[in-house]
Protein backbone atom coordinates (compact mmCIF):
# COMPACT_ATOMS: atom_id res chain seq x y z
CA GLY A 1 1.31 0.73 11.40
CA THR A 2 0.23 -1.77 8.77
CA GLN A 3 0.00 -4.68 11.19
CA PRO A 4 -3.29 -6.61 11.51
CA PRO A 5 -5.48 -5.61 14.50
CA LEU A 6 -5.04 -9.01 16.15
CA LEU A 7 -1.25 -8.81 15.93
CA GLN A 8 -1.24 -5.23 17.19
CA GLN A 9 -3.45 -6.21 20.12
CA GLY A 10 -1.13 -9.11 20.93
CA LEU A 11 1.91 -6.85 20.94
CA THR A 12 0.12 -4.33 23.15
CA ARG A 13 -0.92 -7.01 25.62
CA ALA A 14 2.64 -8.36 25.64
CA ASN A 15 3.99 -4.88 26.38
CA VAL A 16 1.50 -4.33 29.20
CA GLY A 17 2.37 -7.73 30.67
CA ALA A 18 6.10 -7.05 30.44
CA VAL A 19 5.71 -3.66 32.12
CA ALA A 20 3.59 -5.17 34.89
CA LEU A 21 6.16 -7.90 35.50
CA SER A 22 9.07 -5.44 35.40
CA ASP A 23 7.33 -3.05 37.77
């Protein structure tokens, strides 16, 4: 998308964390 790299990285890390916690 057009999101800044830092924001995109943050969202990715949040997703990975959420998946890990859910699993």
